C-alpha atoms as a PDB file:
ATOM      1  CA  MET A   1     100.040 229.395 133.855  1.00  0.00           C
ATOM      2  CA  LYS A   2      99.468 232.288 136.208  1.00  0.00           C
ATOM      3  CA  ASN A   3     100.381 231.946 139.857  1.00  0.00           C
ATOM      4  CA  ILE A   4      97.472 233.555 141.757  1.00  0.00           C
ATOM      5  CA  ARG A   5      99.428 234.304 144.908  1.00  0.00           C
ATOM      6  CA  SER A   6     102.452 235.869 143.275  1.00  0.00           C
ATOM      7  CA  GLY A   7     100.938 237.416 140.192  1.00  0.00           C
ATOM      8  CA  LEU A   8     103.509 235.646 138.020  1.00  0.00           C
ATOM      9  CA  THR A   9     102.399 235.086 134.453  1.00  0.00           C
ATOM     10  CA  LEU A  10     105.277 232.677 133.843  1.00  0.00           C
ATOM     11  CA  PRO A  11     106.563 229.760 135.910  1.00  0.00           C
ATOM     12  CA  PRO A  12     109.860 230.467 137.698  1.00  0.00           C
ATOM     13  CA  THR A  13     111.761 228.006 135.502  1.00  0.00           C
ATOM     14  CA  SER A  14     110.724 230.062 132.467  1.00  0.00           C
ATOM     15  CA  LEU A  15     111.999 233.204 134.174  1.00  0.00           C
ATOM     16  CA  VAL A  16     115.442 231.621 134.578  1.00  0.00           C
ATOM     17  CA  LEU A  17     115.465 230.466 130.953  1.00  0.00           C
ATOM     18  CA  LEU A  18     114.513 233.977 129.814  1.00  0.00           C
ATOM     19  CA  SER A  19     117.282 235.358 132.019  1.00  0.00           C
ATOM     20  CA  ILE A  20     119.823 233.031 130.401  1.00  0.00           C
ATOM     21  CA  SER A  21     118.612 233.948 126.909  1.00  0.00           C
ATOM     22  CA  SER A  22     118.797 237.667 127.673  1.00  0.00           C
ATOM     23  CA  ALA A  23     122.312 237.429 129.107  1.00  0.00           C
ATOM     24  CA  GLN A  24     123.668 235.453 126.167  1.00  0.00           C
ATOM     25  CA  LEU A  25     121.965 237.745 123.668  1.00  0.00           C
ATOM     26  CA  GLY A  26     123.670 240.661 125.428  1.00  0.00           C
ATOM     27  CA  SER A  27     127.055 238.958 125.052  1.00  0.00           C
ATOM     28  CA  ALA A  28     126.480 238.322 121.345  1.00  0.00           C
ATOM     29  CA  ILE A  29     125.507 241.953 120.729  1.00  0.00           C
ATOM     30  CA  ALA A  30     128.538 243.110 122.734  1.00  0.00           C
ATOM     31  CA  LYS A  31     130.830 240.987 120.573  1.00  0.00           C
ATOM     32  CA  ARG A  32     129.322 242.516 117.438  1.00  0.00           C
ATOM     33  CA  LEU A  33     130.268 245.944 118.772  1.00  0.00           C
ATOM     34  CA  PHE A  34     133.933 244.863 118.823  1.00  0.00           C
ATOM     35  CA  ASP A  35     134.038 245.580 115.085  1.00  0.00           C
ATOM     36  CA  VAL A  36     133.590 249.271 115.902  1.00  0.00           C
ATOM     37  CA  LEU A  37     134.608 249.661 119.539  1.00  0.00           C
ATOM     38  CA  SER A  38     137.288 247.765 121.462  1.00  0.00           C
ATOM     39  CA  PRO A  39     136.255 245.266 124.167  1.00  0.00           C
ATOM     40  CA  MET A  40     137.573 247.716 126.787  1.00  0.00           C
ATOM     41  CA  GLY A  41     135.256 250.419 125.471  1.00  0.00           C
ATOM     42  CA  VAL A  42     132.268 248.063 125.285  1.00  0.00           C
ATOM     43  CA  VAL A  43     132.774 246.757 128.820  1.00  0.00           C
ATOM     44  CA  LEU A  44     132.980 250.325 130.118  1.00  0.00           C
ATOM     45  CA  LEU A  45     129.635 251.164 128.511  1.00  0.00           C
ATOM     46  CA  ARG A  46     128.050 247.957 129.796  1.00  0.00           C
ATOM     47  CA  VAL A  47     129.265 248.269 133.400  1.00  0.00           C
ATOM     48  CA  GLY A  48     128.782 252.050 133.448  1.00  0.00           C
ATOM     49  CA  PHE A  49     125.148 251.906 132.349  1.00  0.00           C
ATOM     50  CA  ALA A  50     124.513 249.001 134.739  1.00  0.00           C
ATOM     51  CA  ALA A  51     125.941 251.116 137.565  1.00  0.00           C
ATOM     52  CA  ILE A  52     123.650 254.033 136.680  1.00  0.00           C
ATOM     53  CA  LEU A  53     120.598 251.760 136.637  1.00  0.00           C
ATOM     54  CA  LEU A  54     121.479 250.190 139.993  1.00  0.00           C
ATOM     55  CA  LEU A  55     122.210 253.551 141.597  1.00  0.00           C
ATOM     56  CA  VAL A  56     118.839 254.899 140.441  1.00  0.00           C
ATOM     57  CA  VAL A  57     117.008 251.836 141.756  1.00  0.00           C
ATOM     58  CA  TRP A  58     118.761 251.475 145.126  1.00  0.00           C
ATOM     59  CA  GLN A  59     119.893 255.074 145.782  1.00  0.00           C
ATOM     60  CA  PRO A  60     122.617 254.124 148.280  1.00  0.00           C
ATOM     61  CA  GLN A  61     123.585 256.690 150.886  1.00  0.00           C
ATOM     62  CA  LEU A  62     127.153 257.174 152.100  1.00  0.00           C
ATOM     63  CA  ASN A  63     126.796 256.045 155.720  1.00  0.00           C
ATOM     64  CA  SER A  64     128.688 254.205 158.430  1.00  0.00           C
ATOM     65  CA  GLN A  65     127.661 250.810 157.003  1.00  0.00           C
ATOM     66  CA  ILE A  66     129.250 251.562 153.657  1.00  0.00           C
ATOM     67  CA  ARG A  67     132.342 253.104 155.259  1.00  0.00           C
ATOM     68  CA  SER A  68     132.888 250.154 157.565  1.00  0.00           C
ATOM     69  CA  ASN A  69     132.624 247.744 154.628  1.00  0.00           C
ATOM     70  CA  SER A  70     134.654 249.843 152.203  1.00  0.00           C
ATOM     71  CA  ARG A  71     137.394 247.221 151.835  1.00  0.00           C
ATOM     72  CA  SER A  72     134.927 244.497 150.842  1.00  0.00           C
ATOM     73  CA  LEU A  73     133.130 246.882 148.486  1.00  0.00           C
ATOM     74  CA  ILE A  74     136.369 247.863 146.757  1.00  0.00           C
ATOM     75  CA  LEU A  75     137.390 244.227 146.330  1.00  0.00           C
ATOM     76  CA  PHE A  76     133.895 243.410 145.091  1.00  0.00           C
ATOM     77  CA  GLY A  77     134.098 246.252 142.560  1.00  0.00           C
ATOM     78  CA  LEU A  78     137.536 245.089 141.396  1.00  0.00           C
ATOM     79  CA  SER A  79     136.286 241.540 140.905  1.00  0.00           C
ATOM     80  CA  LEU A  80     133.309 242.846 138.895  1.00  0.00           C
ATOM     81  CA  ALA A  81     135.513 245.011 136.695  1.00  0.00           C
ATOM     82  CA  LEU A  82     138.173 242.387 136.027  1.00  0.00           C
ATOM     83  CA  MET A  83     135.644 239.574 135.557  1.00  0.00           C
ATOM     84  CA  ASN A  84     133.794 241.487 132.852  1.00  0.00           C
ATOM     85  CA  LEU A  85     136.947 242.822 131.212  1.00  0.00           C
ATOM     86  CA  SER A  86     138.693 239.445 131.023  1.00  0.00           C
ATOM     87  CA  PHE A  87     135.496 237.817 129.693  1.00  0.00           C
ATOM     88  CA  TYR A  88     135.094 240.402 126.916  1.00  0.00           C
ATOM     89  CA  LEU A  89     138.772 240.107 126.001  1.00  0.00           C
ATOM     90  CA  ALA A  90     138.275 236.333 125.887  1.00  0.00           C
ATOM     91  CA  ILE A  91     135.255 236.380 123.573  1.00  0.00           C
ATOM     92  CA  GLU A  92     137.189 238.675 121.251  1.00  0.00           C
ATOM     93  CA  ARG A  93     139.489 235.678 120.635  1.00  0.00           C
ATOM     94  CA  ILE A  94     137.383 232.546 121.130  1.00  0.00           C
ATOM     95  CA  PRO A  95     133.703 231.609 120.595  1.00  0.00           C
ATOM     96  CA  ILE A  96     131.313 232.838 123.270  1.00  0.00           C
ATOM     97  CA  GLY A  97     130.061 229.321 124.044  1.00  0.00           C
ATOM     98  CA  ILE A  98     133.565 228.165 124.928  1.00  0.00           C
ATOM     99  CA  ALA A  99     134.343 231.284 126.977  1.00  0.00           C
ATOM    100  CA  VAL A 100     131.129 230.897 128.997  1.00  0.00           C
ATOM    101  CA  THR A 101     131.893 227.205 129.530  1.00  0.00           C
ATOM    102  CA  LEU A 102     135.381 227.905 130.858  1.00  0.00           C
ATOM    103  CA  GLU A 103     134.099 230.755 132.986  1.00  0.00           C
ATOM    104  CA  PHE A 104     131.681 228.388 134.715  1.00  0.00           C
ATOM    105  CA  LEU A 105     134.683 226.673 136.277  1.00  0.00           C
ATOM    106  CA  GLY A 106     134.736 229.588 138.741  1.00  0.00           C
ATOM    107  CA  PRO A 107     131.458 228.870 140.556  1.00  0.00           C
ATOM    108  CA  LEU A 108     132.034 225.147 140.089  1.00  0.00           C
ATOM    109  CA  GLY A 109     135.350 225.468 141.914  1.00  0.00           C
ATOM    110  CA  VAL A 110     133.761 227.426 144.758  1.00  0.00           C
ATOM    111  CA  ALA A 111     131.018 224.827 145.127  1.00  0.00           C
ATOM    112  CA  VAL A 112     133.385 221.859 145.146  1.00  0.00           C
ATOM    113  CA  ALA A 113     136.024 223.511 147.368  1.00  0.00           C
ATOM    114  CA  SER A 114     133.501 223.959 150.155  1.00  0.00           C
ATOM    115  CA  SER A 115     132.114 220.436 149.809  1.00  0.00           C
ATOM    116  CA  ARG A 116     132.839 217.282 151.753  1.00  0.00           C
ATOM    117  CA  GLN A 117     130.901 215.044 149.371  1.00  0.00           C
ATOM    118  CA  LEU A 118     132.806 212.330 147.561  1.00  0.00           C
ATOM    119  CA  LEU A 119     130.450 212.653 144.571  1.00  0.00           C
ATOM    120  CA  ASP A 120     131.700 216.183 143.959  1.00  0.00           C
ATOM    121  CA  TRP A 121     134.998 214.739 142.774  1.00  0.00           C
ATOM    122  CA  VAL A 122     133.048 213.197 139.895  1.00  0.00           C
ATOM    123  CA  TRP A 123     132.082 216.723 138.841  1.00  0.00           C
ATOM    124  CA  VAL A 124     135.720 217.790 139.153  1.00  0.00           C
ATOM    125  CA  LEU A 125     136.759 214.902 136.898  1.00  0.00           C
ATOM    126  CA  LEU A 126     134.123 215.744 134.284  1.00  0.00           C
ATOM    127  CA  ALA A 127     135.149 219.402 134.344  1.00  0.00           C
ATOM    128  CA  ALA A 128     138.827 218.476 134.056  1.00  0.00           C
ATOM    129  CA  ILE A 129     138.130 216.332 130.986  1.00  0.00           C
ATOM    130  CA  GLY A 130     136.196 219.247 129.508  1.00  0.00           C
ATOM    131  CA  VAL A 131     139.082 221.641 130.109  1.00  0.00           C
ATOM    132  CA  ILE A 132     141.542 219.215 128.523  1.00  0.00           C
ATOM    133  CA  LEU A 133     139.313 218.985 125.456  1.00  0.00           C
ATOM    134  CA  LEU A 134     139.221 222.786 125.238  1.00  0.00           C
ATOM    135  CA  ALA A 135     142.951 223.197 125.775  1.00  0.00           C
ATOM    136  CA  PRO A 136     144.649 224.657 122.679  1.00  0.00           C
ATOM    137  CA  ILE A 137     146.690 221.498 122.062  1.00  0.00           C
ATOM    138  CA  GLY A 138     146.438 218.470 119.826  1.00  0.00           C
ATOM    139  CA  GLY A 139     145.249 220.352 116.766  1.00  0.00           C
ATOM    140  CA  SER A 140     142.715 222.584 118.521  1.00  0.00           C
ATOM    141  CA  ALA A 141     142.134 225.857 116.688  1.00  0.00           C
ATOM    142  CA  LEU A 142     141.382 227.778 119.895  1.00  0.00           C
ATOM    143  CA  ASN A 143     143.395 230.898 120.644  1.00  0.00           C
ATOM    144  CA  PRO A 144     145.571 230.129 123.721  1.00  0.00           C
ATOM    145  CA  LEU A 145     145.311 233.685 125.079  1.00  0.00           C
ATOM    146  CA  GLY A 146     141.538 233.577 124.727  1.00  0.00           C
ATOM    147  CA  VAL A 147     141.407 230.364 126.751  1.00  0.00           C
ATOM    148  CA  LEU A 148     143.636 231.854 129.463  1.00  0.00           C
ATOM    149  CA  LEU A 149     141.496 235.000 129.629  1.00  0.00           C
ATOM    150  CA  ALA A 150     138.333 232.910 130.016  1.00  0.00           C
ATOM    151  CA  LEU A 151     139.974 230.974 132.869  1.00  0.00           C
ATOM    152  CA  LEU A 152     140.986 234.305 134.406  1.00  0.00           C
ATOM    153  CA  ALA A 153     137.357 235.408 134.192  1.00  0.00           C
ATOM    154  CA  ALA A 154     136.425 232.171 135.981  1.00  0.00           C
ATOM    155  CA  SER A 155     138.764 232.996 138.871  1.00  0.00           C
ATOM    156  CA  PHE A 156     137.280 236.489 139.173  1.00  0.00           C
ATOM    157  CA  TRP A 157     133.763 234.993 139.118  1.00  0.00           C
ATOM    158  CA  ALA A 158     134.780 232.752 142.029  1.00  0.00           C
ATOM    159  CA  ALA A 159     136.044 235.832 143.889  1.00  0.00           C
ATOM    160  CA  TYR A 160     132.812 237.633 143.007  1.00  0.00           C
ATOM    161  CA  ILE A 161     130.705 234.860 144.564  1.00  0.00           C
ATOM    162  CA  LEU A 162     132.631 234.910 147.847  1.00  0.00           C
ATOM    163  CA  LEU A 163     132.623 238.718 148.040  1.00  0.00           C
ATOM    164  CA  SER A 164     128.970 238.894 147.024  1.00  0.00           C
ATOM    165  CA  ALA A 165     128.035 236.745 150.007  1.00  0.00           C
ATOM    166  CA  ARG A 166     130.087 238.945 152.328  1.00  0.00           C
ATOM    167  CA  VAL A 167     128.707 242.236 150.998  1.00  0.00           C
ATOM    168  CA  GLY A 168     125.150 240.899 150.815  1.00  0.00           C
ATOM    169  CA  GLN A 169     125.225 240.012 154.508  1.00  0.00           C
ATOM    170  CA  ALA A 170     126.617 243.419 155.487  1.00  0.00           C
ATOM    171  CA  LEU A 171     124.419 245.728 153.396  1.00  0.00           C
ATOM    172  CA  PRO A 172     120.672 245.637 152.647  1.00  0.00           C
ATOM    173  CA  GLY A 173     119.149 244.825 149.259  1.00  0.00           C
ATOM    174  CA  GLY A 174     121.192 245.743 146.234  1.00  0.00           C
ATOM    175  CA  THR A 175     123.051 248.572 147.943  1.00  0.00           C
ATOM    176  CA  GLY A 176     126.366 246.743 147.959  1.00  0.00           C
ATOM    177  CA  LEU A 177     126.021 245.711 144.321  1.00  0.00           C
ATOM    178  CA  ALA A 178     125.186 249.278 143.265  1.00  0.00           C
ATOM    179  CA  VAL A 179     128.188 250.755 145.076  1.00  0.00           C
ATOM    180  CA  SER A 180     130.490 248.014 143.809  1.00  0.00           C
ATOM    181  CA  MET A 181     129.286 248.484 140.232  1.00  0.00           C
ATOM    182  CA  LEU A 182     130.144 252.183 140.554  1.00  0.00           C
ATOM    183  CA  ILE A 183     133.625 251.232 141.791  1.00  0.00           C
ATOM    184  CA  ALA A 184     133.962 248.828 138.851  1.00  0.00           C
ATOM    185  CA  THR A 185     133.081 251.657 136.464  1.00  0.00           C
ATOM    186  CA  VAL A 186     135.780 253.870 137.974  1.00  0.00           C
ATOM    187  CA  VAL A 187     138.313 251.023 137.627  1.00  0.00           C
ATOM    188  CA  LEU A 188     137.409 250.496 133.956  1.00  0.00           C
ATOM    189  CA  LEU A 189     137.242 254.190 133.091  1.00  0.00           C
ATOM    190  CA  PRO A 190     140.940 254.838 132.200  1.00  0.00           C
ATOM    191  CA  THR A 191     141.396 251.861 129.858  1.00  0.00           C
ATOM    192  CA  GLY A 192     137.888 252.222 128.419  1.00  0.00           C
ATOM    193  CA  VAL A 193     138.358 255.902 127.574  1.00  0.00           C
ATOM    194  CA  LEU A 194     141.874 255.317 126.247  1.00  0.00           C
ATOM    195  CA  ALA A 195     140.699 252.498 123.981  1.00  0.00           C
ATOM    196  CA  GLY A 196     137.350 253.976 122.965  1.00  0.00           C
ATOM    197  CA  GLY A 197     138.191 257.671 122.716  1.00  0.00           C
ATOM    198  CA  THR A 198     135.547 259.879 121.112  1.00  0.00           C
ATOM    199  CA  LEU A 199     133.639 256.813 119.879  1.00  0.00           C
ATOM    200  CA  LEU A 200     132.253 256.528 123.404  1.00  0.00           C
ATOM    201  CA  LEU A 201     130.266 259.700 122.666  1.00  0.00           C
ATOM    202  CA  ASN A 202     128.692 258.276 119.510  1.00  0.00           C
ATOM    203  CA  PRO A 203     124.893 258.213 120.121  1.00  0.00           C
ATOM    204  CA  LYS A 204     124.400 254.886 118.297  1.00  0.00           C
ATOM    205  CA  LEU A 205     127.188 253.206 120.280  1.00  0.00           C
ATOM    206  CA  LEU A 206     125.876 254.666 123.521  1.00  0.00           C
ATOM    207  CA  LEU A 207     122.437 253.260 122.726  1.00  0.00           C
ATOM    208  CA  SER A 208     123.947 249.876 121.877  1.00  0.00           C
ATOM    209  CA  GLY A 209     125.959 249.923 125.119  1.00  0.00           C
ATOM    210  CA  PHE A 210     122.806 250.733 127.055  1.00  0.00           C
ATOM    211  CA  GLY A 211     121.054 247.819 125.335  1.00  0.00           C
ATOM    212  CA  VAL A 212     123.899 245.470 126.294  1.00  0.00           C
ATOM    213  CA  ALA A 213     123.649 246.637 129.917  1.00  0.00           C
ATOM    214  CA  ILE A 214     119.888 246.030 129.940  1.00  0.00           C
ATOM    215  CA  LEU A 215     120.149 242.591 128.328  1.00  0.00           C
ATOM    216  CA  SER A 216     123.234 241.463 130.245  1.00  0.00           C
ATOM    217  CA  SER A 217     122.539 242.916 133.685  1.00  0.00           C
ATOM    218  CA  ALA A 218     119.157 244.543 134.340  1.00  0.00           C
ATOM    219  CA  ILE A 219     116.836 241.934 132.807  1.00  0.00           C
ATOM    220  CA  PRO A 220     118.699 238.791 134.009  1.00  0.00           C
ATOM    221  CA  TYR A 221     119.175 240.183 137.519  1.00  0.00           C
ATOM    222  CA  SER A 222     115.480 241.101 137.840  1.00  0.00           C
ATOM    223  CA  LEU A 223     114.224 237.793 136.444  1.00  0.00           C
ATOM    224  CA  GLU A 224     116.563 235.718 138.599  1.00  0.00           C
ATOM    225  CA  LEU A 225     115.630 237.579 141.773  1.00  0.00           C
ATOM    226  CA  GLU A 226     111.963 236.882 141.040  1.00  0.00           C
ATOM    227  CA  ALA A 227     112.611 233.233 140.184  1.00  0.00           C
ATOM    228  CA  LEU A 228     114.583 232.705 143.400  1.00  0.00           C
ATOM    229  CA  ARG A 229     111.467 233.564 145.394  1.00  0.00           C
ATOM    230  CA  PHE A 230     109.870 230.333 144.178  1.00  0.00           C
ATOM    231  CA  LEU A 231     112.653 227.964 143.115  1.00  0.00           C
ATOM    232  CA  PRO A 232     114.838 225.849 145.428  1.00  0.00           C
ATOM    233  CA  ILE A 233     118.415 227.084 145.128  1.00  0.00           C
ATOM    234  CA  HIS A 234     119.723 223.754 143.797  1.00  0.00           C
ATOM    235  CA  VAL A 235     117.131 223.746 141.002  1.00  0.00           C
ATOM    236  CA  PHE A 236     118.112 227.303 140.186  1.00  0.00           C
ATOM    237  CA  GLY A 237     121.766 226.284 140.026  1.00  0.00           C
ATOM    238  CA  VAL A 238     121.027 223.360 137.726  1.00  0.00           C
ATOM    239  CA  LEU A 239     119.130 225.659 135.368  1.00  0.00           C
ATOM    240  CA  LEU A 240     122.077 228.059 135.326  1.00  0.00           C
ATOM    241  CA  SER A 241     124.275 225.234 134.056  1.00  0.00           C
ATOM    242  CA  LEU A 242     122.404 225.600 130.760  1.00  0.00           C
ATOM    243  CA  ASN A 243     124.290 228.863 130.173  1.00  0.00           C
ATOM    244  CA  PRO A 244     127.193 227.344 128.184  1.00  0.00           C
ATOM    245  CA  ALA A 245     124.848 225.530 125.791  1.00  0.00           C
ATOM    246  CA  ALA A 246     122.671 228.637 125.467  1.00  0.00           C
ATOM    247  CA  ALA A 247     125.762 230.737 124.761  1.00  0.00           C
ATOM    248  CA  ALA A 248     126.913 228.332 122.039  1.00  0.00           C
ATOM    249  CA  LEU A 249     123.466 228.299 120.402  1.00  0.00           C
ATOM    250  CA  THR A 250     123.024 232.083 120.587  1.00  0.00           C
ATOM    251  CA  SER A 251     126.470 232.808 119.182  1.00  0.00           C
ATOM    252  CA  PHE A 252     125.832 230.337 116.350  1.00  0.00           C
ATOM    253  CA  LEU A 253     122.504 231.955 115.435  1.00  0.00           C
ATOM    254  CA  ILE A 254     123.683 235.569 115.709  1.00  0.00           C
ATOM    255  CA  LEU A 255     127.416 235.451 115.038  1.00  0.00           C
ATOM    256  CA  LYS A 256     127.601 232.229 112.997  1.00  0.00           C
ATOM    257  CA  GLU A 257     130.205 230.848 115.413  1.00  0.00           C
ATOM    258  CA  THR A 258     130.693 227.121 114.881  1.00  0.00           C
ATOM    259  CA  LEU A 259     132.369 224.647 117.218  1.00  0.00           C
ATOM    260  CA  GLU A 260     134.491 221.546 116.778  1.00  0.00           C
ATOM    261  CA  LEU A 261     133.078 218.239 118.038  1.00  0.00           C
ATOM    262  CA  ARG A 262     135.605 218.205 120.900  1.00  0.00           C
ATOM    263  CA  SER A 263     134.402 221.655 121.981  1.00  0.00           C
ATOM    264  CA  ILE A 264     130.762 220.537 121.958  1.00  0.00           C
ATOM    265  CA  VAL A 265     131.631 217.506 124.084  1.00  0.00           C
ATOM    266  CA  ALA A 266     133.573 219.751 126.490  1.00  0.00           C
ATOM    267  CA  ILE A 267     130.602 222.119 126.838  1.00  0.00           C
ATOM    268  CA  ILE A 268     128.327 219.175 127.650  1.00  0.00           C
ATOM    269  CA  LEU A 269     130.743 217.737 130.245  1.00  0.00           C
ATOM    270  CA  ILE A 270     131.344 221.037 132.035  1.00  0.00           C
ATOM    271  CA  SER A 271     127.622 221.857 131.988  1.00  0.00           C
ATOM    272  CA  ILE A 272     126.861 218.475 133.593  1.00  0.00           C
ATOM    273  CA  ALA A 273     129.584 219.125 136.169  1.00  0.00           C
ATOM    274  CA  ALA A 274     128.194 222.580 136.971  1.00  0.00           C
ATOM    275  CA  GLY A 275     124.652 221.267 137.256  1.00  0.00           C
ATOM    276  CA  GLY A 276     125.731 218.322 139.404  1.00  0.00           C
ATOM    277  CA  ALA A 277     127.764 220.441 141.789  1.00  0.00           C
ATOM    278  CA  SER A 278     124.953 222.971 142.147  1.00  0.00           C
ATOM    279  CA  SER A 279     122.629 220.202 143.293  1.00  0.00           C
ATOM    280  CA  PHE A 280     124.630 220.146 146.522  1.00  0.00           C
ATOM    281  CA  LYS A 281     125.851 223.703 146.863  1.00  0.00           C
ATOM    282  CA  GLU A 282     124.076 227.028 147.091  1.00  0.00           C
ATOM    283  CA  LEU A 283     127.184 228.968 146.093  1.00  0.00           C
ATOM    284  CA  LEU A 284     126.659 228.274 142.410  1.00  0.00           C
ATOM    285  CA  GLY A 285     123.382 230.147 142.574  1.00  0.00           C
ATOM    286  CA  ALA A 286     124.887 232.921 144.690  1.00  0.00           C
ATOM    287  CA  GLY A 287     126.689 234.355 141.682  1.00  0.00           C
ATOM    288  CA  SER A 288     123.676 234.367 139.403  1.00  0.00           C
ATOM    289  CA  GLY A 289     122.828 238.007 139.339  1.00  0.00           C
ATOM    290  CA  ARG A 290     126.379 239.061 139.050  1.00  0.00           C
ATOM    291  CA  ARG A 291     127.095 240.685 135.760  1.00  0.00           C
ATOM    292  CA  ARG A 292     125.428 239.368 132.704  1.00  0.00           C
END
C-alpha cells in the first residue's frame, strides 16, 4: 500500500525484509565465487566496489573535519576490513546461516553491555545456550576455525557499531562511511591482490564482485536508511534478528547447505536473543547499514 506522504510503494517492514534478502543473497553469491577466487580476493572486490559507490554518492572532501577525526576513521576502516574478511573466511568453512548467527553476538553484546535491565540477562543466557550448541564439540561437524572466525567477525561488528556512532556524530551523512570504506579497501588490497592475482582483472569476476557489492552493501544500506525514516528503532532491530534464519534459508536454496537439528535450535535461540535485546537498545540497529 502506497504511503501518500512519503511516496513509498512498500511498507517499511517490507523494505527491511528486502534488505535482509538482498544481503544474504549477496553472501551466497560471494561464497559461490570461492570456487574460483579466494575469500580474500572476493572481499577485496566487494569492499572496493562498495567504496567506489559510496565515494561517488557522497563525494567527501579532505577538510579539517576529516583530519581531526582521522584516528576514528582509520579504526572504523580497520573494523570494516577485518569484519568482512573474517566473515568471508568463516563462511568458507562453515554454513552461512551459522556464521551469520554467531556474528550477531557482536551487536547483541554491545546492546546488553550498555544495559541495566535484568531481562537482558535472559537474552545473554539464550545466546550462550545457542553458542554452546554451535560449539564444535560433542559430535558437531562444524569446523572449529570457522566458528572462531565467525566469533572474530562478531567482535569486529561490535567495534564497528561503537565506531559508527562516533564517526556518524562527527561527520555529516555518509561521509565517514565512504572514507572508512576507502581505508578498508586499502587495508585489504595487499592480501586480496596476493591471493587473487590476475584473476582480479577477469571481467566476469569483476562483474560478479560488483554484483556482490550491490547486493550486500548498496541495496541493503539504501533500503534500511529509508525504512528507518518510518520504523521505531526497536522494531527495526527486531526485524534484523531475522538475518540468521534468512541466511540459513538462502544458503539452503542456493548452496544446498543443510544444518543439524542442534544448529537450527541454536539459530532460533540466538535470533530470539538478538530480537529481545534490540527491543531495549538502539545499538543493535546502529550497525544495520554496515557492510552487507
